[in-house]
Protein backbone atom coordinates (compact mmCIF):
# COMPACT_ATOMS: atom_id res chain seq x y z
CA UNK A 1 0.00 0.00 0.00
CA UNK A 2 2.72 2.40 0.92
CA UNK A 3 4.58 1.50 -2.25
CA UNK A 4 1.53 2.33 -4.43
CA UNK A 5 1.06 5.62 -2.62
CA UNK A 6 4.68 6.46 -3.29
CA UNK A 7 4.24 5.61 -6.95
CA UNK A 8 1.08 7.77 -7.16
CA UNK A 9 2.80 10.60 -5.35
CA UNK A 10 5.79 10.30 -7.64
CA UNK A 11 3.52 10.30 -10.69
CA UNK A 12 1.71 13.42 -9.49
CA UNK A 13 5.01 15.16 -8.87
CA UNK A 14 6.21 14.24 -12.34
CA UNK A 15 2.98 15.55 -13.85
CA UNK A 16 3.26 18.80 -11.90
CA UNK A 17 6.89 19.11 -12.89
CA UNK A 18 6.00 18.47 -16.53
CA UNK A 19 3.23 21.08 -16.39
CA UNK A 20 5.62 23.66 -14.93
CA UNK A 21 8.19 22.86 -17.63
CA UNK A 22 5.55 23.26 -20.34
CA UNK A 23 4.47 26.58 -18.83
CA UNK A 24 8.06 27.79 -18.64
CA UNK A 25 8.69 26.68 -22.22
CA UNK A 26 5.58 28.51 -23.43
CA UNK A 27 6.60 31.67 -21.57
CA UNK A 28 10.13 31.48 -23.01
CA UNK A 29 8.70 30.94 -26.48
CA UNK A 30 6.53 34.06 -26.07
CA UNK A 31 9.48 36.07 -24.73
CA UNK A 32 11.70 34.92 -27.59
CA UNK A 33 9.08 35.67 -30.25
CA UNK A 34 10.24 38.38 -32.61
CA UNK A 35 8.26 41.58 -32.10
CA UNK A 36 6.23 43.02 -34.96
CA UNK A 37 8.11 45.63 -36.98
CA UNK A 38 7.38 46.57 -40.56
CA UNK A 39 5.07 48.36 -42.97
CA UNK A 40 1.31 47.86 -43.05
CA UNK A 41 -1.31 49.48 -45.25
CA UNK A 42 -4.92 50.62 -45.06
CA UNK A 43 -7.37 51.39 -47.87
CA UNK A 44 -10.03 54.09 -47.84
CA UNK A 45 -12.76 53.71 -50.48
CA UNK A 46 -14.86 56.77 -51.32
CA UNK A 47 -17.32 57.79 -54.05
CA UNK A 48 -16.82 60.89 -56.17
CA UNK A 49 -19.50 62.52 -58.31
CA UNK A 50 -23.17 61.62 -58.75
CA UNK A 51 -25.34 59.60 -61.09
CA UNK A 52 -23.67 58.25 -64.20
CA UNK A 53 -20.48 60.19 -63.48
CA UNK A 54 -20.06 58.65 -60.05
CA UNK A 55 -16.83 56.72 -59.57
CA UNK A 56 -15.02 54.97 -56.81
CA UNK A 57 -11.62 56.15 -55.58
CA UNK A 58 -9.27 54.11 -53.42
CA UNK A 59 -6.66 55.81 -51.27
CA UNK A 60 -3.94 53.60 -49.85
CA UNK A 61 -1.96 54.72 -46.81
CA UNK A 62 1.21 53.08 -45.57
CA UNK A 63 2.17 52.88 -41.90
CA UNK A 64 5.31 51.93 -40.01
CA UNK A 65 4.28 49.59 -37.21
CA UNK A 66 6.42 48.65 -34.21
CA UNK A 67 5.42 46.41 -31.32
CA UNK A 68 6.31 47.85 -27.93
CA UNK A 69 7.31 45.92 -24.81
CA UNK A 70 3.77 46.16 -23.41
CA UNK A 71 2.34 44.56 -26.56
CA UNK A 72 0.86 47.76 -27.97
CA UNK A 73 1.58 48.74 -31.56
CA UNK A 74 3.14 52.11 -32.31
CA UNK A 75 2.02 53.49 -35.69
CA UNK A 76 3.54 56.28 -37.77
CA UNK A 77 2.33 57.18 -41.24
CA UNK A 78 4.79 57.18 -44.16
CA UNK A 79 5.23 60.52 -45.92
CA UNK A 80 5.42 61.09 -49.68
CA UNK A 81 9.05 59.92 -49.61
CA UNK A 82 8.06 56.68 -47.84
CA UNK A 83 9.71 57.35 -44.50
CA UNK A 84 7.88 57.38 -41.12
CA UNK A 85 7.05 60.96 -40.24
CA UNK A 86 4.73 63.00 -38.05
CA UNK A 87 2.92 62.10 -34.82
CA UNK A 88 2.69 58.55 -33.51
CA UNK A 89 -0.46 56.73 -32.53
CA UNK A 90 -1.04 53.48 -30.64
CA UNK A 91 -3.37 50.56 -31.28
CA UNK A 92 -3.75 46.99 -30.06
CA UNK A 93 -2.16 44.05 -31.84
CA UNK A 94 -5.62 42.66 -32.61
CA UNK A 95 -6.63 45.89 -34.33
CA UNK A 96 -3.45 45.87 -36.40
CA UNK A 97 -4.02 42.30 -37.58
CA UNK A 98 -7.72 42.89 -38.28
CA UNK A 99 -7.62 46.29 -40.00
CA UNK A 100 -4.15 46.58 -41.57
CA UNK A 101 -2.46 44.59 -44.33
CA UNK A 102 1.23 43.63 -44.07
CA UNK A 103 3.52 44.95 -46.83
CA UNK A 104 6.81 43.07 -46.27
CA UNK A 105 8.23 43.52 -49.79
CA UNK A 106 7.42 47.24 -49.82
CA UNK A 107 9.24 47.61 -46.49
CA UNK A 108 12.29 45.65 -47.67
CA UNK A 109 12.71 47.21 -51.10
CA UNK A 110 11.45 50.79 -50.60
CA UNK A 111 10.95 51.92 -47.01
CA UNK A 112 13.98 50.44 -45.26
CA UNK A 113 16.48 51.82 -47.84
CA UNK A 114 14.89 55.27 -47.48
CA UNK A 115 15.12 55.12 -43.68
CA UNK A 116 18.77 54.11 -43.89
CA UNK A 117 19.45 56.95 -46.36
CA UNK A 118 18.11 59.52 -43.88
CA UNK A 119 19.97 57.92 -40.96
CA UNK A 120 23.27 58.07 -42.86
CA UNK A 121 22.79 61.74 -43.80
CA UNK A 122 22.02 62.65 -40.18
CA UNK A 123 25.01 60.63 -38.92
CA UNK A 124 27.32 62.46 -41.37
CA UNK A 125 25.85 65.77 -40.21
CA UNK A 126 26.51 64.82 -36.57
CA UNK A 127 30.13 63.97 -37.39
CA UNK A 128 30.71 67.28 -39.19
CA UNK A 129 29.17 69.25 -36.32
CA UNK A 130 31.32 67.49 -33.71
CA UNK A 131 34.39 68.22 -35.85
CA UNK A 132 33.54 71.94 -35.90
CA UNK A 133 32.35 71.95 -39.53
CA UNK A 134 28.90 73.59 -39.28
CA UNK A 135 28.53 74.33 -43.02
CA UNK A 136 29.17 70.71 -44.00
CA UNK A 137 26.84 69.65 -41.18
CA UNK A 138 24.11 71.95 -42.49
CA UNK A 139 24.45 70.41 -45.96
CA UNK A 140 23.89 66.86 -44.65
CA UNK A 141 21.04 67.82 -42.32
CA UNK A 142 19.34 69.75 -45.13
CA UNK A 143 19.48 66.71 -47.40
CA UNK A 144 17.96 64.56 -44.66
CA UNK A 145 15.15 67.10 -44.14
CA UNK A 146 14.32 67.02 -47.85
CA UNK A 147 13.29 63.39 -47.32
CA UNK A 148 11.80 63.79 -43.84
CA UNK A 149 11.14 67.40 -42.85
CA UNK A 150 10.05 66.36 -39.34
CA UNK A 151 13.13 64.29 -38.56
CA UNK A 152 13.93 65.32 -34.99
CA UNK A 153 17.69 64.68 -35.04
CA UNK A 154 18.11 66.54 -38.34
CA UNK A 155 16.10 69.52 -37.08
CA UNK A 156 18.06 69.70 -33.84
CA UNK A 157 21.31 69.24 -35.77
CA UNK A 158 20.71 72.00 -38.28
CA UNK A 159 19.44 74.31 -35.54
CA UNK A 160 22.58 73.71 -33.48
CA UNK A 161 24.72 74.31 -36.58
CA UNK A 162 23.06 77.71 -37.06
CA UNK A 163 23.54 78.55 -33.38
CA UNK A 164 27.20 77.50 -33.59
CA UNK A 165 27.58 80.10 -36.35
CA UNK A 166 25.57 82.73 -34.47
CA UNK A 167 22.89 82.83 -37.22
CA UNK A 168 19.98 83.66 -34.94
CA UNK A 169 17.33 84.26 -37.63
CA UNK A 170 17.85 80.83 -39.20
CA UNK A 171 18.03 79.23 -35.74
CA UNK A 172 14.74 80.91 -34.84
CA UNK A 173 13.06 79.33 -37.89
CA UNK A 174 14.14 75.90 -36.66
CA UNK A 175 13.07 76.77 -33.12
CA UNK A 176 9.57 77.64 -34.37
CA UNK A 177 9.39 74.25 -36.08
CA UNK A 178 10.70 72.26 -33.10
CA UNK A 179 8.32 73.70 -30.50
CA UNK A 180 5.41 72.37 -32.56
CA UNK A 181 6.77 68.81 -32.63
CA UNK A 182 5.89 66.75 -29.54
CA UNK A 183 8.54 64.21 -30.51
CA UNK A 184 11.27 66.82 -29.94
CA UNK A 185 10.56 66.58 -26.21
CA UNK A 186 10.61 62.78 -25.93
CA UNK A 187 13.13 61.09 -23.63
CA UNK A 188 15.14 59.58 -26.51
CA UNK A 189 16.06 63.11 -27.67
CA UNK A 190 16.83 64.49 -24.20
CA UNK A 191 20.52 65.08 -24.94
CA UNK A 192 19.76 67.08 -28.10
CA UNK A 193 16.96 68.92 -26.31
CA UNK A 194 19.37 70.05 -23.59
CA UNK A 195 22.08 71.06 -26.09
CA UNK A 196 19.61 73.16 -28.08
CA UNK A 197 18.23 74.92 -24.99
CA UNK A 198 21.71 75.74 -23.71
CA UNK A 199 22.74 77.05 -27.15
CA UNK A 200 19.66 79.28 -27.29
CA UNK A 201 20.61 80.74 -23.91
CA UNK A 202 24.26 81.22 -24.83
CA UNK A 203 23.18 83.03 -28.00
CA UNK A 204 21.05 85.32 -25.80
CA UNK A 205 17.82 84.11 -27.42
CA UNK A 206 16.26 84.18 -23.95
CA UNK A 207 12.60 84.62 -24.90
CA UNK A 208 12.80 81.68 -27.31
CA UNK A 209 14.61 79.67 -24.67
CA UNK A 210 11.84 80.25 -22.11
CA UNK A 211 9.15 79.35 -24.66
CA UNK A 212 11.11 76.21 -25.51
CA UNK A 213 11.42 75.08 -21.89
CA UNK A 214 7.82 75.97 -21.05
CA UNK A 215 6.69 73.89 -24.02
CA UNK A 216 8.56 70.97 -22.45
CA UNK A 217 6.77 71.64 -19.13
CA UNK A 218 3.47 70.98 -20.90
CA UNK A 219 4.63 67.39 -21.41
CA UNK A 220 6.53 66.72 -18.18
CA UNK A 221 6.63 68.50 -14.82
CA UNK A 222 8.81 65.98 -13.01
CA UNK A 223 12.25 66.97 -14.33
CA UNK A 224 14.41 68.97 -11.93
CA UNK A 225 16.89 69.78 -14.72
CA UNK A 226 14.13 71.51 -16.67
CA UNK A 227 13.24 73.81 -13.77
CA UNK A 228 16.94 74.45 -13.15
CA UNK A 229 17.47 75.48 -16.79
CA UNK A 230 14.46 77.80 -16.64
CA UNK A 231 15.91 79.35 -13.47
CA UNK A 232 19.20 79.95 -15.34
CA UNK A 233 17.35 81.79 -18.12
CA UNK A 234 15.42 83.98 -15.68
CA UNK A 235 18.71 84.79 -13.93
CA UNK A 236 20.16 86.05 -17.20
CA UNK A 237 17.02 88.13 -17.75
CA UNK A 238 17.50 89.67 -14.30
CA UNK A 239 14.23 88.21 -12.99
CA UNK A 240 15.32 87.08 -9.51
CA UNK A 241 11.82 86.22 -8.28
CA UNK A 242 11.23 83.67 -11.05
CA UNK A 243 14.81 82.43 -10.74
CA UNK A 244 14.33 81.51 -7.08
CA UNK A 245 10.82 80.14 -7.69
CA UNK A 246 11.90 77.71 -10.41
CA UNK A 247 15.05 76.69 -8.57
CA UNK A 248 12.94 75.84 -5.52
CA UNK A 249 10.73 73.65 -7.73
CA UNK A 250 13.84 71.82 -8.95
CA UNK A 251 15.01 71.19 -5.38
CA UNK A 252 11.50 70.17 -4.26
CA UNK A 253 11.61 67.44 -6.91
CA UNK A 254 15.14 66.38 -5.95
CA UNK A 255 16.62 67.81 -2.72
CA UNK A 256 19.94 66.10 -3.56
CA UNK A 257 20.22 67.82 -6.95
CA UNK A 258 23.83 69.03 -6.81
CA UNK A 259 23.65 71.69 -9.54
CA UNK A 260 20.54 73.12 -7.91
CA UNK A 261 22.18 73.16 -4.49
CA UNK A 262 25.20 75.06 -5.83
CA UNK A 263 22.99 77.57 -7.64
CA UNK A 264 20.89 78.14 -4.49
CA UNK A 265 24.05 78.59 -2.42
CA UNK A 266 25.20 81.27 -4.88
CA UNK A 267 21.83 83.05 -4.74
CA UNK A 268 21.87 83.06 -0.94
CA UNK A 269 25.43 84.37 -0.90
CA UNK A 270 24.31 87.26 -3.13
CA UNK A 271 21.33 87.89 -0.87
CA UNK A 272 18.80 86.94 -3.54
CA UNK A 273 17.25 84.01 -1.66
């Protein structure tokens, strides 16, 4: 009797162990599955005219789709040059598979080469700018913007090139374009965002700089560096009240913020705070 119980117990343990292994294998398979990334299309059918002159028109739109870590799909429409451009939207995977058609050959032969072309132009522009060659940098960034006028890196790059040369009017044109693009304030562009803001301040474009930083505040109010940078601009404008106010907000968010502490120490030493 005891021997049978042991066998049954052993069998149950083996079954449980096998079930756990299957579950682990399924989870690993899902984790290892390649995420969706490619071009999909939609068709809009509409009627034009009336009576015997009525005809059907079909408009086809292409979208770059990318699956995010949470399973959502990020969509960005392709512009006339077949590169992803403009604002991003988000849909479920089910909606993508139900309402959009995959276009793998179009992605491979048309879209991907165009994306790489823009990336290479921007990379060359970045190299020229780092080497102190702003005119060559402008040339590369301009060529990239001809293909994708809303490319964030190219816009930042050409704007910084103008600021490096002290060409404030041209830099202001780029500034006016950037403040309208939400993507310019996304985390992935934080380094370029900071460089551009600092360059605006150093070129004494203080009003533009404040507008630029306040635009960023519309999207995030939890960044102590942003409040610190605004405080720096107000200091240069001679507005001590707003300087202290924004610096306090930076230190409220992060009391250990070293740059903010040093700035506050300076203000107190001068009798401003």
